[in-house]
């Protein structure tokens, strides 16, 4: 995931991890928190529609948290 700073302020997470996953926030902390929420929704949509979850994303426990292995950087 790459948080891109915006000229008008704030940060956006473009949909690189998944085309459905896009998020933003006024601060890095807010952008990451919003990305976490958006990610949970995307995984739920994948599961509901029977879409395979990308191999870089895995579920530790069917009722527990979802984990992602990724590099986070700011640009």
PDB file of N, CA and C in Angstrom:
ATOM      1  N   UNK A   1       0.844  -1.166   0.000  1.00  0.00           N
ATOM      2  CA  UNK A   1       0.000   0.000   0.000  1.00  0.00           C
ATOM      3  C   UNK A   1       0.890   1.230   0.000  1.00  0.00           C
ATOM      4  N   UNK A   2       0.482   2.223  -0.737  1.00  0.00           N
ATOM      5  CA  UNK A   2       1.202   3.489  -0.786  1.00  0.00           C
ATOM      6  C   UNK A   2       0.209   4.602  -0.481  1.00  0.00           C
ATOM      7  N   UNK A   3       0.495   5.366   0.546  1.00  0.00           N
ATOM      8  CA  UNK A   3      -0.321   6.542   0.834  1.00  0.00           C
ATOM      9  C   UNK A   3       0.262   7.704   0.050  1.00  0.00           C
ATOM     10  N   UNK A   4      -0.546   8.317  -0.774  1.00  0.00           N
ATOM     11  CA  UNK A   4      -0.097   9.449  -1.577  1.00  0.00           C
ATOM     12  C   UNK A   4      -0.625  10.736  -0.961  1.00  0.00           C
ATOM     13  N   UNK A   5       0.292  11.681  -0.683  1.00  0.00           N
ATOM     14  CA  UNK A   5      -0.157  12.970  -0.156  1.00  0.00           C
ATOM     15  C   UNK A   5      -0.856  13.739  -1.270  1.00  0.00           C
ATOM     16  N   UNK A   6      -1.864  14.494  -0.903  1.00  0.00           N
ATOM     17  CA  UNK A   6      -2.672  15.233  -1.862  1.00  0.00           C
ATOM     18  C   UNK A   6      -2.355  16.717  -1.778  1.00  0.00           C
ATOM     19  N   UNK A   7      -2.343  17.430  -2.909  1.00  0.00           N
ATOM     20  CA  UNK A   7      -2.022  18.866  -2.899  1.00  0.00           C
ATOM     21  C   UNK A   7      -2.947  19.676  -1.990  1.00  0.00           C
ATOM     22  N   UNK A   8      -4.203  19.279  -1.902  1.00  0.00           N
ATOM     23  CA  UNK A   8      -5.166  20.003  -1.068  1.00  0.00           C
ATOM     24  C   UNK A   8      -5.096  19.586   0.400  1.00  0.00           C
ATOM     25  N   UNK A   9      -4.210  18.632   0.706  1.00  0.00           N
ATOM     26  CA  UNK A   9      -4.050  18.132   2.067  1.00  0.00           C
ATOM     27  C   UNK A   9      -4.604  16.731   2.191  1.00  0.00           C
ATOM     28  N   UNK A  10      -4.121  16.008   3.151  1.00  0.00           N
ATOM     29  CA  UNK A  10      -4.575  14.649   3.383  1.00  0.00           C
ATOM     30  C   UNK A  10      -3.822  13.634   2.543  1.00  0.00           C
ATOM     31  N   UNK A  11      -4.254  12.405   2.664  1.00  0.00           N
ATOM     32  CA  UNK A  11      -3.608  11.284   1.995  1.00  0.00           C
ATOM     33  C   UNK A  11      -4.659  10.381   1.375  1.00  0.00           C
ATOM     34  N   UNK A  12      -4.308   9.757   0.269  1.00  0.00           N
ATOM     35  CA  UNK A  12      -5.208   8.817  -0.388  1.00  0.00           C
ATOM     36  C   UNK A  12      -4.465   7.499  -0.583  1.00  0.00           C
ATOM     37  N   UNK A  13      -5.189   6.411  -0.431  1.00  0.00           N
ATOM     38  CA  UNK A  13      -4.677   5.078  -0.706  1.00  0.00           C
ATOM     39  C   UNK A  13      -5.290   4.651  -2.032  1.00  0.00           C
ATOM     40  N   UNK A  14      -4.512   4.716  -3.133  1.00  0.00           N
ATOM     41  CA  UNK A  14      -5.068   4.317  -4.423  1.00  0.00           C
ATOM     42  C   UNK A  14      -5.283   2.807  -4.484  1.00  0.00           C
ATOM     43  N   UNK A  15      -6.131   2.346  -5.386  1.00  0.00           N
ATOM     44  CA  UNK A  15      -6.500   0.918  -5.438  1.00  0.00           C
ATOM     45  C   UNK A  15      -5.439   0.034  -6.103  1.00  0.00           C
ATOM     46  N   UNK A  16      -4.284  -0.116  -5.470  1.00  0.00           N
ATOM     47  CA  UNK A  16      -3.233  -0.980  -6.021  1.00  0.00           C
ATOM     48  C   UNK A  16      -3.331  -2.397  -5.474  1.00  0.00           C
ATOM     49  N   UNK A  17      -3.714  -2.529  -4.217  1.00  0.00           N
ATOM     50  CA  UNK A  17      -3.827  -3.846  -3.580  1.00  0.00           C
ATOM     51  C   UNK A  17      -5.008  -4.608  -4.156  1.00  0.00           C
ATOM     52  N   UNK A  18      -6.081  -3.885  -4.403  1.00  0.00           N
ATOM     53  CA  UNK A  18      -7.316  -4.453  -4.924  1.00  0.00           C
ATOM     54  C   UNK A  18      -8.053  -3.317  -5.623  1.00  0.00           C
ATOM     55  N   UNK A  19      -8.660  -3.568  -6.784  1.00  0.00           N
ATOM     56  CA  UNK A  19      -9.344  -2.474  -7.482  1.00  0.00           C
ATOM     57  C   UNK A  19     -10.504  -1.882  -6.689  1.00  0.00           C
ATOM     58  N   UNK A  20     -11.027  -2.625  -5.747  1.00  0.00           N
ATOM     59  CA  UNK A  20     -12.153  -2.138  -4.945  1.00  0.00           C
ATOM     60  C   UNK A  20     -11.705  -1.332  -3.739  1.00  0.00           C
ATOM     61  N   UNK A  21     -10.415  -1.392  -3.416  1.00  0.00           N
ATOM     62  CA  UNK A  21      -9.918  -0.781  -2.189  1.00  0.00           C
ATOM     63  C   UNK A  21      -9.325   0.594  -2.473  1.00  0.00           C
ATOM     64  N   UNK A  22     -10.026   1.626  -2.047  1.00  0.00           N
ATOM     65  CA  UNK A  22      -9.518   2.988  -2.113  1.00  0.00           C
ATOM     66  C   UNK A  22      -9.971   3.677  -0.839  1.00  0.00           C
ATOM     67  N   UNK A  23      -9.085   4.476  -0.275  1.00  0.00           N
ATOM     68  CA  UNK A  23      -9.397   5.121   0.989  1.00  0.00           C
ATOM     69  C   UNK A  23      -8.623   6.421   1.078  1.00  0.00           C
ATOM     70  N   UNK A  24      -8.990   7.252   2.039  1.00  0.00           N
ATOM     71  CA  UNK A  24      -8.301   8.522   2.233  1.00  0.00           C
ATOM     72  C   UNK A  24      -8.459   8.972   3.671  1.00  0.00           C
ATOM     73  N   UNK A  25      -7.697   9.983   4.041  1.00  0.00           N
ATOM     74  CA  UNK A  25      -7.801  10.560   5.371  1.00  0.00           C
ATOM     75  C   UNK A  25      -7.053  11.872   5.435  1.00  0.00           C
ATOM     76  N   UNK A  26      -7.376  12.687   6.422  1.00  0.00           N
ATOM     77  CA  UNK A  26      -6.734  13.987   6.580  1.00  0.00           C
ATOM     78  C   UNK A  26      -5.322  13.864   7.147  1.00  0.00           C
ATOM     79  N   UNK A  27      -5.045  12.760   7.865  1.00  0.00           N
ATOM     80  CA  UNK A  27      -3.720  12.515   8.421  1.00  0.00           C
ATOM     81  C   UNK A  27      -3.311  11.086   8.065  1.00  0.00           C
ATOM     82  N   UNK A  28      -2.046  10.773   8.276  1.00  0.00           N
ATOM     83  CA  UNK A  28      -1.578   9.410   8.014  1.00  0.00           C
ATOM     84  C   UNK A  28      -2.342   8.423   8.888  1.00  0.00           C
ATOM     85  N   UNK A  29      -2.490   8.748  10.161  1.00  0.00           N
ATOM     86  CA  UNK A  29      -3.206   7.844  11.070  1.00  0.00           C
ATOM     87  C   UNK A  29      -4.648   7.628  10.618  1.00  0.00           C
ATOM     88  N   UNK A  30      -5.321   8.694  10.223  1.00  0.00           N
ATOM     89  CA  UNK A  30      -6.709   8.572   9.762  1.00  0.00           C
ATOM     90  C   UNK A  30      -6.784   7.780   8.461  1.00  0.00           C
ATOM     91  N   UNK A  31      -5.849   8.032   7.552  1.00  0.00           N
ATOM     92  CA  UNK A  31      -5.840   7.305   6.275  1.00  0.00           C
ATOM     93  C   UNK A  31      -5.626   5.813   6.505  1.00  0.00           C
ATOM     94  N   UNK A  32      -4.728   5.457   7.420  1.00  0.00           N
ATOM     95  CA  UNK A  32      -4.486   4.040   7.715  1.00  0.00           C
ATOM     96  C   UNK A  32      -5.691   3.397   8.402  1.00  0.00           C
ATOM     97  N   UNK A  33      -6.326   4.121   9.313  1.00  0.00           N
ATOM     98  CA  UNK A  33      -7.525   3.592   9.976  1.00  0.00           C
ATOM     99  C   UNK A  33      -8.653   3.394   8.965  1.00  0.00           C
ATOM    100  N   UNK A  34      -8.836   4.362   8.072  1.00  0.00           N
ATOM    101  CA  UNK A  34      -9.866   4.234   7.044  1.00  0.00           C
ATOM    102  C   UNK A  34      -9.542   3.100   6.084  1.00  0.00           C
ATOM    103  N   UNK A  35      -8.254   2.924   5.766  1.00  0.00           N
ATOM    104  CA  UNK A  35      -7.843   1.828   4.888  1.00  0.00           C
ATOM    105  C   UNK A  35      -8.129   0.481   5.543  1.00  0.00           C
ATOM    106  N   UNK A  36      -7.918   0.392   6.849  1.00  0.00           N
ATOM    107  CA  UNK A  36      -8.210  -0.850   7.572  1.00  0.00           C
ATOM    108  C   UNK A  36      -9.701  -1.173   7.477  1.00  0.00           C
ATOM    109  N   UNK A  37     -10.541  -0.173   7.684  1.00  0.00           N
ATOM    110  CA  UNK A  37     -11.988  -0.382   7.573  1.00  0.00           C
ATOM    111  C   UNK A  37     -12.383  -0.775   6.155  1.00  0.00           C
ATOM    112  N   UNK A  38     -11.834  -0.067   5.172  1.00  0.00           N
ATOM    113  CA  UNK A  38     -12.152  -0.365   3.772  1.00  0.00           C
ATOM    114  C   UNK A  38     -11.686  -1.757   3.391  1.00  0.00           C
ATOM    115  N   UNK A  39     -10.517  -2.148   3.884  1.00  0.00           N
ATOM    116  CA  UNK A  39      -9.981  -3.470   3.592  1.00  0.00           C
ATOM    117  C   UNK A  39     -10.917  -4.563   4.119  1.00  0.00           C
ATOM    118  N   UNK A  40     -11.426  -4.376   5.339  1.00  0.00           N
ATOM    119  CA  UNK A  40     -12.343  -5.362   5.919  1.00  0.00           C
ATOM    120  C   UNK A  40     -13.598  -5.503   5.057  1.00  0.00           C
ATOM    121  N   UNK A  41     -14.100  -4.391   4.539  1.00  0.00           N
ATOM    122  CA  UNK A  41     -15.285  -4.425   3.677  1.00  0.00           C
ATOM    123  C   UNK A  41     -14.979  -5.157   2.375  1.00  0.00           C
ATOM    124  N   UNK A  42     -13.815  -4.875   1.777  1.00  0.00           N
ATOM    125  CA  UNK A  42     -13.441  -5.530   0.523  1.00  0.00           C
ATOM    126  C   UNK A  42     -13.326  -7.042   0.718  1.00  0.00           C
ATOM    127  N   UNK A  43     -12.693  -7.474   1.798  1.00  0.00           N
ATOM    128  CA  UNK A  43     -12.571  -8.915   2.059  1.00  0.00           C
ATOM    129  C   UNK A  43     -13.954  -9.539   2.232  1.00  0.00           C
ATOM    130  N   UNK A  44     -14.846  -8.847   2.928  1.00  0.00           N
ATOM    131  CA  UNK A  44     -16.206  -9.359   3.116  1.00  0.00           C
ATOM    132  C   UNK A  44     -16.926  -9.489   1.771  1.00  0.00           C
ATOM    133  N   UNK A  45     -16.764  -8.507   0.897  1.00  0.00           N
ATOM    134  CA  UNK A  45     -17.383  -8.561  -0.433  1.00  0.00           C
ATOM    135  C   UNK A  45     -16.828  -9.750  -1.215  1.00  0.00           C
ATOM    136  N   UNK A  46     -15.496  -9.929  -1.183  1.00  0.00           N
ATOM    137  CA  UNK A  46     -14.884 -11.073  -1.870  1.00  0.00           C
ATOM    138  C   UNK A  46     -15.503 -12.380  -1.370  1.00  0.00           C
ATOM    139  N   UNK A  47     -15.591 -12.515  -0.052  1.00  0.00           N
ATOM    140  CA  UNK A  47     -16.128 -13.748   0.526  1.00  0.00           C
ATOM    141  C   UNK A  47     -17.593 -13.942   0.137  1.00  0.00           C
ATOM    142  N   UNK A  48     -18.399 -12.881   0.221  1.00  0.00           N
ATOM    143  CA  UNK A  48     -19.823 -12.982  -0.112  1.00  0.00           C
ATOM    144  C   UNK A  48     -20.047 -13.366  -1.571  1.00  0.00           C
ATOM    145  N   UNK A  49     -19.186 -12.887  -2.455  1.00  0.00           N
ATOM    146  CA  UNK A  49     -19.351 -13.156  -3.889  1.00  0.00           C
ATOM    147  C   UNK A  49     -18.566 -14.373  -4.369  1.00  0.00           C
ATOM    148  N   UNK A  50     -17.841 -15.006  -3.461  1.00  0.00           N
ATOM    149  CA  UNK A  50     -17.064 -16.183  -3.841  1.00  0.00           C
ATOM    150  C   UNK A  50     -15.853 -15.861  -4.700  1.00  0.00           C
ATOM    151  N   UNK A  51     -15.361 -14.627  -4.601  1.00  0.00           N
ATOM    152  CA  UNK A  51     -14.181 -14.214  -5.354  1.00  0.00           C
ATOM    153  C   UNK A  51     -12.948 -14.647  -4.561  1.00  0.00           C
ATOM    154  N   UNK A  52     -11.991 -15.305  -5.205  1.00  0.00           N
ATOM    155  CA  UNK A  52     -10.790 -15.708  -4.474  1.00  0.00           C
ATOM    156  C   UNK A  52     -10.036 -14.485  -3.939  1.00  0.00           C
ATOM    157  N   UNK A  53      -9.616 -14.588  -2.706  1.00  0.00           N
ATOM    158  CA  UNK A  53      -8.830 -13.522  -2.093  1.00  0.00           C
ATOM    159  C   UNK A  53      -7.398 -13.655  -2.605  1.00  0.00           C
ATOM    160  N   UNK A  54      -6.762 -12.551  -3.029  1.00  0.00           N
ATOM    161  CA  UNK A  54      -5.390 -12.635  -3.538  1.00  0.00           C
ATOM    162  C   UNK A  54      -4.464 -13.360  -2.561  1.00  0.00           C
ATOM    163  N   UNK A  55      -3.473 -14.044  -3.082  1.00  0.00           N
ATOM    164  CA  UNK A  55      -2.599 -14.874  -2.254  1.00  0.00           C
ATOM    165  C   UNK A  55      -1.800 -14.067  -1.234  1.00  0.00           C
ATOM    166  N   UNK A  56      -1.612 -12.769  -1.456  1.00  0.00           N
ATOM    167  CA  UNK A  56      -0.886 -11.950  -0.490  1.00  0.00           C
ATOM    168  C   UNK A  56      -1.751 -11.581   0.721  1.00  0.00           C
ATOM    169  N   UNK A  57      -3.037 -11.911   0.640  1.00  0.00           N
ATOM    170  CA  UNK A  57      -3.979 -11.647   1.720  1.00  0.00           C
ATOM    171  C   UNK A  57      -4.416 -12.995   2.282  1.00  0.00           C
ATOM    172  N   UNK A  58      -4.379 -13.135   3.586  1.00  0.00           N
ATOM    173  CA  UNK A  58      -4.818 -14.396   4.157  1.00  0.00           C
ATOM    174  C   UNK A  58      -5.619 -14.148   5.427  1.00  0.00           C
ATOM    175  N   UNK A  59      -6.451 -15.101   5.775  1.00  0.00           N
ATOM    176  CA  UNK A  59      -7.291 -15.008   6.959  1.00  0.00           C
ATOM    177  C   UNK A  59      -6.704 -15.921   8.016  1.00  0.00           C
ATOM    178  N   UNK A  60      -6.329 -15.334   9.159  1.00  0.00           N
ATOM    179  CA  UNK A  60      -5.771 -16.122  10.249  1.00  0.00           C
ATOM    180  C   UNK A  60      -6.823 -17.051  10.851  1.00  0.00           C
ATOM    181  N   UNK A  61      -8.023 -16.578  10.949  1.00  0.00           N
ATOM    182  CA  UNK A  61      -9.113 -17.293  11.594  1.00  0.00           C
ATOM    183  C   UNK A  61     -10.398 -16.792  10.931  1.00  0.00           C
ATOM    184  N   UNK A  62     -11.276 -17.701  10.581  1.00  0.00           N
ATOM    185  CA  UNK A  62     -12.491 -17.314   9.853  1.00  0.00           C
ATOM    186  C   UNK A  62     -13.311 -16.265  10.594  1.00  0.00           C
ATOM    187  N   UNK A  63     -13.219 -16.219  11.916  1.00  0.00           N
ATOM    188  CA  UNK A  63     -13.974 -15.214  12.669  1.00  0.00           C
ATOM    189  C   UNK A  63     -13.046 -14.168  13.300  1.00  0.00           C
ATOM    190  N   UNK A  64     -11.769 -14.250  12.983  1.00  0.00           N
ATOM    191  CA  UNK A  64     -10.795 -13.334  13.564  1.00  0.00           C
ATOM    192  C   UNK A  64     -10.357 -12.275  12.580  1.00  0.00           C
ATOM    193  N   UNK A  65      -9.254 -11.627  12.907  1.00  0.00           N
ATOM    194  CA  UNK A  65      -8.766 -10.539  12.046  1.00  0.00           C
ATOM    195  C   UNK A  65      -8.185 -11.044  10.734  1.00  0.00           C
ATOM    196  N   UNK A  66      -8.137 -10.170   9.763  1.00  0.00           N
ATOM    197  CA  UNK A  66      -7.541 -10.457   8.465  1.00  0.00           C
ATOM    198  C   UNK A  66      -6.154  -9.833   8.445  1.00  0.00           C
ATOM    199  N   UNK A  67      -5.194 -10.549   7.894  1.00  0.00           N
ATOM    200  CA  UNK A  67      -3.824 -10.052   7.819  1.00  0.00           C
ATOM    201  C   UNK A  67      -3.414  -9.808   6.389  1.00  0.00           C
ATOM    202  N   UNK A  68      -2.533  -8.842   6.203  1.00  0.00           N
ATOM    203  CA  UNK A  68      -2.000  -8.532   4.876  1.00  0.00           C
ATOM    204  C   UNK A  68      -0.495  -8.362   5.024  1.00  0.00           C
ATOM    205  N   UNK A  69       0.246  -8.960   4.114  1.00  0.00           N
ATOM    206  CA  UNK A  69       1.672  -8.720   4.058  1.00  0.00           C
ATOM    207  C   UNK A  69       1.907  -7.707   2.947  1.00  0.00           C
ATOM    208  N   UNK A  70       2.398  -6.531   3.316  1.00  0.00           N
ATOM    209  CA  UNK A  70       2.598  -5.480   2.332  1.00  0.00           C
ATOM    210  C   UNK A  70       3.613  -4.474   2.840  1.00  0.00           C
ATOM    211  N   UNK A  71       4.097  -3.646   1.977  1.00  0.00           N
ATOM    212  CA  UNK A  71       4.989  -2.557   2.337  1.00  0.00           C
ATOM    213  C   UNK A  71       4.173  -1.279   2.320  1.00  0.00           C
ATOM    214  N   UNK A  72       4.322  -0.482   3.328  1.00  0.00           N
ATOM    215  CA  UNK A  72       3.601   0.792   3.391  1.00  0.00           C
ATOM    216  C   UNK A  72       4.630   1.903   3.249  1.00  0.00           C
ATOM    217  N   UNK A  73       4.370   2.828   2.343  1.00  0.00           N
ATOM    218  CA  UNK A  73       5.262   3.974   2.170  1.00  0.00           C
ATOM    219  C   UNK A  73       4.444   5.216   1.917  1.00  0.00           C
ATOM    220  N   UNK A  74       5.052   6.345   2.122  1.00  0.00           N
ATOM    221  CA  UNK A  74       4.406   7.624   1.858  1.00  0.00           C
ATOM    222  C   UNK A  74       5.077   8.259   0.658  1.00  0.00           C
ATOM    223  N   UNK A  75       4.280   8.839  -0.225  1.00  0.00           N
ATOM    224  CA  UNK A  75       4.884   9.540  -1.365  1.00  0.00           C
ATOM    225  C   UNK A  75       4.387  10.961  -1.405  1.00  0.00           C
TER     226      UNK A  75
END
